[in-house]
PDB file of all heavy atoms in Angstrom:
ATOM      1  N   SER A   1     -20.806  15.086 -11.221  1.00  0.00           N
ATOM      2  CA  SER A   1     -21.480  14.063 -12.057  1.00  0.00           C
ATOM      3  C   SER A   1     -20.838  12.677 -11.830  1.00  0.00           C
ATOM      4  O   SER A   1     -21.340  11.709 -12.391  1.00  0.00           O
ATOM      5  CB  SER A   1     -21.454  14.431 -13.499  1.00  0.00           C
ATOM      6  OG  SER A   1     -20.059  14.458 -14.006  1.00  0.00           O
ATOM      7  N   GLN A   2     -19.697  12.622 -11.143  1.00  0.00           N
ATOM      8  CA  GLN A   2     -19.035  11.339 -10.933  1.00  0.00           C
ATOM      9  C   GLN A   2     -18.920  11.002  -9.503  1.00  0.00           C
ATOM     10  O   GLN A   2     -19.500  11.720  -8.643  1.00  0.00           O
ATOM     11  CB  GLN A   2     -17.636  11.476 -11.588  1.00  0.00           C
ATOM     12  CG  GLN A   2     -17.622  11.606 -13.150  1.00  0.00           C
ATOM     13  CD  GLN A   2     -17.851  10.263 -13.840  1.00  0.00           C
ATOM     14  OE1 GLN A   2     -18.578   9.417 -13.365  1.00  0.00           O
ATOM     15  NE2 GLN A   2     -17.112  10.111 -14.899  1.00  0.00           N
ATOM     16  N   ASN A   3     -18.214  10.016  -9.154  1.00  0.00           N
ATOM     17  CA  ASN A   3     -17.875   9.695  -7.807  1.00  0.00           C
ATOM     18  C   ASN A   3     -16.523   8.994  -7.758  1.00  0.00           C
ATOM     19  O   ASN A   3     -16.363   7.925  -7.242  1.00  0.00           O
ATOM     20  CB  ASN A   3     -18.920   8.769  -7.158  1.00  0.00           C
ATOM     21  CG  ASN A   3     -18.951   8.788  -5.652  1.00  0.00           C
ATOM     22  OD1 ASN A   3     -18.278   9.655  -5.077  1.00  0.00           O
ATOM     23  ND2 ASN A   3     -19.720   7.938  -5.060  1.00  0.00           N
ATOM     24  N   LEU A   4     -15.548   9.747  -8.331  1.00  0.00           N
ATOM     25  CA  LEU A   4     -14.213   9.187  -8.426  1.00  0.00           C
ATOM     26  C   LEU A   4     -13.328   9.650  -7.383  1.00  0.00           C
ATOM     27  O   LEU A   4     -13.675  10.476  -6.519  1.00  0.00           O
ATOM     28  CB  LEU A   4     -13.592   9.633  -9.789  1.00  0.00           C
ATOM     29  CG  LEU A   4     -14.325   9.142 -11.088  1.00  0.00           C
ATOM     30  CD1 LEU A   4     -13.735   9.825 -12.258  1.00  0.00           C
ATOM     31  CD2 LEU A   4     -14.192   7.624 -11.248  1.00  0.00           C
ATOM     32  N   SER A   5     -12.008   9.154  -7.340  1.00  0.00           N
ATOM     33  CA  SER A   5     -11.009   9.544  -6.398  1.00  0.00           C
ATOM     34  C   SER A   5      -9.723   9.782  -7.199  1.00  0.00           C
ATOM     35  O   SER A   5      -9.445   9.011  -8.173  1.00  0.00           O
ATOM     36  CB  SER A   5     -10.825   8.532  -5.317  1.00  0.00           C
ATOM     37  OG  SER A   5      -9.774   8.778  -4.504  1.00  0.00           O
ATOM     38  N   ASN A   6      -8.900  10.776  -6.765  1.00  0.00           N
ATOM     39  CA  ASN A   6      -7.579  10.849  -7.340  1.00  0.00           C
ATOM     40  C   ASN A   6      -6.715   9.664  -6.872  1.00  0.00           C
ATOM     41  O   ASN A   6      -6.765   9.289  -5.724  1.00  0.00           O
ATOM     42  CB  ASN A   6      -6.937  12.189  -6.925  1.00  0.00           C
ATOM     43  CG  ASN A   6      -7.554  13.383  -7.690  1.00  0.00           C
ATOM     44  OD1 ASN A   6      -7.664  13.359  -8.883  1.00  0.00           O
ATOM     45  ND2 ASN A   6      -7.853  14.436  -6.974  1.00  0.00           N
ATOM     46  N   THR A   7      -5.950   9.129  -7.809  1.00  0.00           N
ATOM     47  CA  THR A   7      -5.083   7.959  -7.465  1.00  0.00           C
ATOM     48  C   THR A   7      -3.997   8.467  -6.446  1.00  0.00           C
ATOM     49  O   THR A   7      -3.391   9.504  -6.734  1.00  0.00           O
ATOM     50  CB  THR A   7      -4.358   7.471  -8.697  1.00  0.00           C
ATOM     51  OG1 THR A   7      -5.351   7.275  -9.764  1.00  0.00           O
ATOM     52  CG2 THR A   7      -3.671   6.154  -8.419  1.00  0.00           C
ATOM     53  N   PRO A   8      -3.840   7.724  -5.377  1.00  0.00           N
ATOM     54  CA  PRO A   8      -2.736   8.120  -4.398  1.00  0.00           C
ATOM     55  C   PRO A   8      -1.402   8.121  -5.082  1.00  0.00           C
ATOM     56  O   PRO A   8      -1.062   7.253  -5.876  1.00  0.00           O
ATOM     57  CB  PRO A   8      -2.849   7.045  -3.318  1.00  0.00           C
ATOM     58  CG  PRO A   8      -4.231   6.486  -3.413  1.00  0.00           C
ATOM     59  CD  PRO A   8      -4.574   6.579  -4.879  1.00  0.00           C
ATOM     60  N   VAL A   9      -0.648   9.136  -4.757  1.00  0.00           N
ATOM     61  CA  VAL A   9       0.728   9.253  -5.315  1.00  0.00           C
ATOM     62  C   VAL A   9       1.576   7.989  -5.033  1.00  0.00           C
ATOM     63  O   VAL A   9       2.253   7.490  -5.897  1.00  0.00           O
ATOM     64  CB  VAL A   9       1.439  10.514  -4.767  1.00  0.00           C
ATOM     65  CG1 VAL A   9       2.858  10.576  -5.124  1.00  0.00           C
ATOM     66  CG2 VAL A   9       0.712  11.778  -5.256  1.00  0.00           C
ATOM     67  N   GLU A  10       1.406   7.502  -3.830  1.00  0.00           N
ATOM     68  CA  GLU A  10       2.179   6.296  -3.410  1.00  0.00           C
ATOM     69  C   GLU A  10       1.856   5.129  -4.304  1.00  0.00           C
ATOM     70  O   GLU A  10       2.779   4.290  -4.681  1.00  0.00           O
ATOM     71  CB  GLU A  10       1.918   5.994  -1.922  1.00  0.00           C
ATOM     72  CG  GLU A  10       2.312   7.039  -0.975  1.00  0.00           C
ATOM     73  CD  GLU A  10       1.274   8.129  -0.797  1.00  0.00           C
ATOM     74  OE1 GLU A  10       0.223   8.146  -1.477  1.00  0.00           O
ATOM     75  OE2 GLU A  10       1.529   9.079   0.009  1.00  0.00           O
ATOM     76  N   THR A  11       0.577   4.991  -4.693  1.00  0.00           N
ATOM     77  CA  THR A  11       0.165   3.841  -5.562  1.00  0.00           C
ATOM     78  C   THR A  11       0.855   3.994  -6.914  1.00  0.00           C
ATOM     79  O   THR A  11       1.384   3.061  -7.456  1.00  0.00           O
ATOM     80  CB  THR A  11      -1.287   3.764  -5.668  1.00  0.00           C
ATOM     81  OG1 THR A  11      -1.838   3.554  -4.394  1.00  0.00           O
ATOM     82  CG2 THR A  11      -1.726   2.688  -6.590  1.00  0.00           C
ATOM     83  N   LEU A  12       0.746   5.160  -7.505  1.00  0.00           N
ATOM     84  CA  LEU A  12       1.402   5.405  -8.809  1.00  0.00           C
ATOM     85  C   LEU A  12       2.883   5.130  -8.810  1.00  0.00           C
ATOM     86  O   LEU A  12       3.379   4.411  -9.662  1.00  0.00           O
ATOM     87  CB  LEU A  12       1.143   6.874  -9.253  1.00  0.00           C
ATOM     88  CG  LEU A  12      -0.250   7.218  -9.697  1.00  0.00           C
ATOM     89  CD1 LEU A  12      -0.343   8.741  -9.977  1.00  0.00           C
ATOM     90  CD2 LEU A  12      -0.628   6.450 -10.997  1.00  0.00           C
ATOM     91  N   GLU A  13       3.538   5.677  -7.808  1.00  0.00           N
ATOM     92  CA  GLU A  13       4.994   5.563  -7.767  1.00  0.00           C
ATOM     93  C   GLU A  13       5.501   4.141  -7.420  1.00  0.00           C
ATOM     94  O   GLU A  13       6.542   3.741  -7.876  1.00  0.00           O
ATOM     95  CB  GLU A  13       5.568   6.572  -6.824  1.00  0.00           C
ATOM     96  CG  GLU A  13       5.370   8.019  -7.227  1.00  0.00           C
ATOM     97  CD  GLU A  13       5.983   8.995  -6.303  1.00  0.00           C
ATOM     98  OE1 GLU A  13       6.284   8.652  -5.084  1.00  0.00           O
ATOM     99  OE2 GLU A  13       6.182  10.167  -6.711  1.00  0.00           O
ATOM    100  N   ALA A  14       4.753   3.428  -6.666  1.00  0.00           N
ATOM    101  CA  ALA A  14       5.089   2.058  -6.225  1.00  0.00           C
ATOM    102  C   ALA A  14       5.050   1.092  -7.313  1.00  0.00           C
ATOM    103  O   ALA A  14       5.754   0.169  -7.360  1.00  0.00           O
ATOM    104  CB  ALA A  14       4.345   1.654  -4.979  1.00  0.00           C
ATOM    105  N   GLN A  15       4.058   1.266  -8.251  1.00  0.00           N
ATOM    106  CA  GLN A  15       3.747   0.254  -9.228  1.00  0.00           C
ATOM    107  C   GLN A  15       4.202   0.615 -10.662  1.00  0.00           C
ATOM    108  O   GLN A  15       4.110  -0.172 -11.533  1.00  0.00           O
ATOM    109  CB  GLN A  15       2.238  -0.004  -9.220  1.00  0.00           C
ATOM    110  CG  GLN A  15       1.757  -0.540  -7.896  1.00  0.00           C
ATOM    111  CD  GLN A  15       0.316  -0.941  -7.952  1.00  0.00           C
ATOM    112  OE1 GLN A  15      -0.188  -1.349  -8.968  1.00  0.00           O
ATOM    113  NE2 GLN A  15      -0.389  -0.859  -6.791  1.00  0.00           N
ATOM    114  N   HIS A  16       4.578   1.896 -10.872  1.00  0.00           N
ATOM    115  CA  HIS A  16       4.875   2.295 -12.220  1.00  0.00           C
ATOM    116  C   HIS A  16       6.189   3.184 -12.240  1.00  0.00           C
ATOM    117  O   HIS A  16       6.505   3.827 -11.299  1.00  0.00           O
ATOM    118  CB  HIS A  16       3.738   3.119 -12.786  1.00  0.00           C
ATOM    119  CG  HIS A  16       2.398   2.408 -12.698  1.00  0.00           C
ATOM    120  ND1 HIS A  16       2.093   1.343 -13.517  1.00  0.00           N
ATOM    121  CD2 HIS A  16       1.328   2.629 -11.944  1.00  0.00           C
ATOM    122  CE1 HIS A  16       0.894   0.879 -13.211  1.00  0.00           C
ATOM    123  NE2 HIS A  16       0.371   1.708 -12.271  1.00  0.00           N
ATOM    124  N   PRO A  17       6.854   3.285 -13.427  1.00  0.00           N
ATOM    125  CA  PRO A  17       8.028   4.112 -13.544  1.00  0.00           C
ATOM    126  C   PRO A  17       7.677   5.541 -13.729  1.00  0.00           C
ATOM    127  O   PRO A  17       7.837   6.155 -14.835  1.00  0.00           O
ATOM    128  CB  PRO A  17       8.783   3.467 -14.694  1.00  0.00           C
ATOM    129  CG  PRO A  17       7.643   2.969 -15.568  1.00  0.00           C
ATOM    130  CD  PRO A  17       6.581   2.436 -14.628  1.00  0.00           C
ATOM    131  N   VAL A  18       7.260   6.188 -12.657  1.00  0.00           N
ATOM    132  CA  VAL A  18       6.849   7.594 -12.683  1.00  0.00           C
ATOM    133  C   VAL A  18       7.023   8.225 -11.339  1.00  0.00           C
ATOM    134  O   VAL A  18       6.979   7.492 -10.279  1.00  0.00           O
ATOM    135  CB  VAL A  18       5.343   7.701 -13.128  1.00  0.00           C
ATOM    136  CG1 VAL A  18       4.398   7.084 -12.107  1.00  0.00           C
ATOM    137  CG2 VAL A  18       4.952   9.179 -13.425  1.00  0.00           C
ATOM    138  N   ARG A  19       7.366   9.465 -11.242  1.00  0.00           N
ATOM    139  CA  ARG A  19       7.485  10.190 -10.022  1.00  0.00           C
ATOM    140  C   ARG A  19       6.559  11.458 -10.116  1.00  0.00           C
ATOM    141  O   ARG A  19       6.628  12.199 -11.068  1.00  0.00           O
ATOM    142  CB  ARG A  19       8.890  10.631  -9.738  1.00  0.00           C
ATOM    143  CG  ARG A  19       9.065  11.348  -8.372  1.00  0.00           C
ATOM    144  CD  ARG A  19      10.494  11.467  -7.917  1.00  0.00           C
ATOM    145  NE  ARG A  19      11.238  12.354  -8.773  1.00  0.00           N
ATOM    146  CZ  ARG A  19      12.328  12.048  -9.475  1.00  0.00           C
ATOM    147  NH1 ARG A  19      12.745  10.770  -9.412  1.00  0.00           N
ATOM    148  NH2 ARG A  19      12.968  12.915 -10.250  1.00  0.00           N
ATOM    149  N   VAL A  20       5.627  11.548  -9.108  1.00  0.00           N
ATOM    150  CA  VAL A  20       4.750  12.698  -9.111  1.00  0.00           C
ATOM    151  C   VAL A  20       5.455  13.814  -8.395  1.00  0.00           C
ATOM    152  O   VAL A  20       5.706  13.791  -7.190  1.00  0.00           O
ATOM    153  CB  VAL A  20       3.411  12.284  -8.433  1.00  0.00           C
ATOM    154  CG1 VAL A  20       2.472  13.497  -8.377  1.00  0.00           C
ATOM    155  CG2 VAL A  20       2.745  11.183  -9.192  1.00  0.00           C
ATOM    156  N   GLU A  21       5.760  14.877  -9.151  1.00  0.00           N
ATOM    157  CA  GLU A  21       6.521  15.949  -8.598  1.00  0.00           C
ATOM    158  C   GLU A  21       5.713  17.146  -8.076  1.00  0.00           C
ATOM    159  O   GLU A  21       6.190  17.996  -7.400  1.00  0.00           O
ATOM    160  CB  GLU A  21       7.557  16.402  -9.567  1.00  0.00           C
ATOM    161  CG  GLU A  21       8.531  15.301 -10.014  1.00  0.00           C
ATOM    162  CD  GLU A  21       9.836  15.810 -10.654  1.00  0.00           C
ATOM    163  OE1 GLU A  21       9.867  16.946 -11.111  1.00  0.00           O
ATOM    164  OE2 GLU A  21      10.816  15.024 -10.618  1.00  0.00           O
ATOM    165  N   ALA A  22       4.414  17.131  -8.445  1.00  0.00           N
ATOM    166  CA  ALA A  22       3.524  18.180  -7.898  1.00  0.00           C
ATOM    167  C   ALA A  22       2.121  17.610  -7.897  1.00  0.00           C
ATOM    168  O   ALA A  22       1.733  16.947  -8.827  1.00  0.00           O
ATOM    169  CB  ALA A  22       3.570  19.484  -8.794  1.00  0.00           C
ATOM    170  N   TYR A  23       1.447  17.845  -6.778  1.00  0.00           N
ATOM    171  CA  TYR A  23       0.061  17.474  -6.608  1.00  0.00           C
ATOM    172  C   TYR A  23      -0.530  18.509  -5.704  1.00  0.00           C
ATOM    173  O   TYR A  23      -0.458  18.366  -4.487  1.00  0.00           O
ATOM    174  CB  TYR A  23      -0.103  16.073  -6.122  1.00  0.00           C
ATOM    175  CG  TYR A  23      -1.547  15.616  -5.882  1.00  0.00           C
ATOM    176  CD1 TYR A  23      -2.611  16.073  -6.635  1.00  0.00           C
ATOM    177  CD2 TYR A  23      -1.867  14.671  -4.840  1.00  0.00           C
ATOM    178  CE1 TYR A  23      -3.865  15.727  -6.362  1.00  0.00           C
ATOM    179  CE2 TYR A  23      -3.107  14.279  -4.581  1.00  0.00           C
ATOM    180  CZ  TYR A  23      -4.133  14.748  -5.343  1.00  0.00           C
ATOM    181  OH  TYR A  23      -5.393  14.308  -5.104  1.00  0.00           O
ATOM    182  N   GLU A  24      -1.085  19.654  -6.215  1.00  0.00           N
ATOM    183  CA  GLU A  24      -1.368  20.760  -5.336  1.00  0.00           C
ATOM    184  C   GLU A  24      -2.510  21.598  -5.957  1.00  0.00           C
ATOM    185  O   GLU A  24      -2.848  21.452  -7.125  1.00  0.00           O
ATOM    186  CB  GLU A  24      -0.128  21.625  -5.132  1.00  0.00           C
ATOM    187  CG  GLU A  24       0.456  21.986  -6.551  1.00  0.00           C
ATOM    188  CD  GLU A  24       1.947  22.478  -6.428  1.00  0.00           C
ATOM    189  OE1 GLU A  24       2.478  22.459  -5.289  1.00  0.00           O
ATOM    190  OE2 GLU A  24       2.593  22.740  -7.393  1.00  0.00           O
ATOM    191  N   LEU A  25      -3.063  22.430  -5.110  1.00  0.00           N
ATOM    192  CA  LEU A  25      -4.111  23.387  -5.591  1.00  0.00           C
ATOM    193  C   LEU A  25      -3.409  24.495  -6.327  1.00  0.00           C
ATOM    194  O   LEU A  25      -2.280  24.858  -6.041  1.00  0.00           O
ATOM    195  CB  LEU A  25      -4.864  23.953  -4.334  1.00  0.00           C
ATOM    196  CG  LEU A  25      -5.666  22.960  -3.563  1.00  0.00           C
ATOM    197  CD1 LEU A  25      -6.355  23.666  -2.382  1.00  0.00           C
ATOM    198  CD2 LEU A  25      -6.734  22.244  -4.447  1.00  0.00           C
ATOM    199  N   GLU A  26      -4.116  24.942  -7.390  1.00  0.00           N
ATOM    200  CA  GLU A  26      -3.581  26.092  -8.219  1.00  0.00           C
ATOM    201  C   GLU A  26      -4.164  27.390  -7.791  1.00  0.00           C
ATOM    202  O   GLU A  26      -5.363  27.630  -7.964  1.00  0.00           O
ATOM    203  CB  GLU A  26      -3.921  25.768  -9.692  1.00  0.00           C
ATOM    204  CG  GLU A  26      -3.472  26.849 -10.669  1.00  0.00           C
ATOM    205  CD  GLU A  26      -1.973  26.866 -10.862  1.00  0.00           C
ATOM    206  OE1 GLU A  26      -1.282  26.088 -10.341  1.00  0.00           O
ATOM    207  OE2 GLU A  26      -1.538  27.825 -11.593  1.00  0.00           O
ATOM    208  N   PRO A  27      -3.299  28.281  -7.176  1.00  0.00           N
ATOM    209  CA  PRO A  27      -3.927  29.546  -6.696  1.00  0.00           C
ATOM    210  C   PRO A  27      -4.499  30.342  -7.901  1.00  0.00           C
ATOM    211  O   PRO A  27      -4.029  30.262  -9.042  1.00  0.00           O
ATOM    212  CB  PRO A  27      -2.642  30.234  -6.162  1.00  0.00           C
ATOM    213  CG  PRO A  27      -1.716  29.176  -5.784  1.00  0.00           C
ATOM    214  CD  PRO A  27      -1.939  28.070  -6.877  1.00  0.00           C
ATOM    215  N   ASP A  28      -5.540  31.120  -7.600  1.00  0.00           N
ATOM    216  CA  ASP A  28      -6.177  32.009  -8.590  1.00  0.00           C
ATOM    217  C   ASP A  28      -6.870  31.357  -9.754  1.00  0.00           C
ATOM    218  O   ASP A  28      -7.247  31.988 -10.692  1.00  0.00           O
ATOM    219  CB  ASP A  28      -5.113  33.019  -9.108  1.00  0.00           C
ATOM    220  CG  ASP A  28      -4.548  33.998  -8.078  1.00  0.00           C
ATOM    221  OD1 ASP A  28      -5.047  34.036  -7.000  1.00  0.00           O
ATOM    222  OD2 ASP A  28      -3.504  34.598  -8.416  1.00  0.00           O
ATOM    223  N   SER A  29      -7.049  30.054  -9.638  1.00  0.00           N
ATOM    224  CA  SER A  29      -7.676  29.300 -10.765  1.00  0.00           C
ATOM    225  C   SER A  29      -9.186  29.372 -10.749  1.00  0.00           C
ATOM    226  O   SER A  29      -9.834  28.905 -11.705  1.00  0.00           O
ATOM    227  CB  SER A  29      -7.177  27.858 -10.805  1.00  0.00           C
ATOM    228  OG  SER A  29      -7.485  27.212  -9.564  1.00  0.00           O
TER     229      SER A  29
END
């Protein structure tokens, strides 16, 4: 129903005090 994109990890980490430690598919979900 949308047409969005996940924010690139590099963008989040470069501009904000945050570290993305996992960005992955969840098996068996």
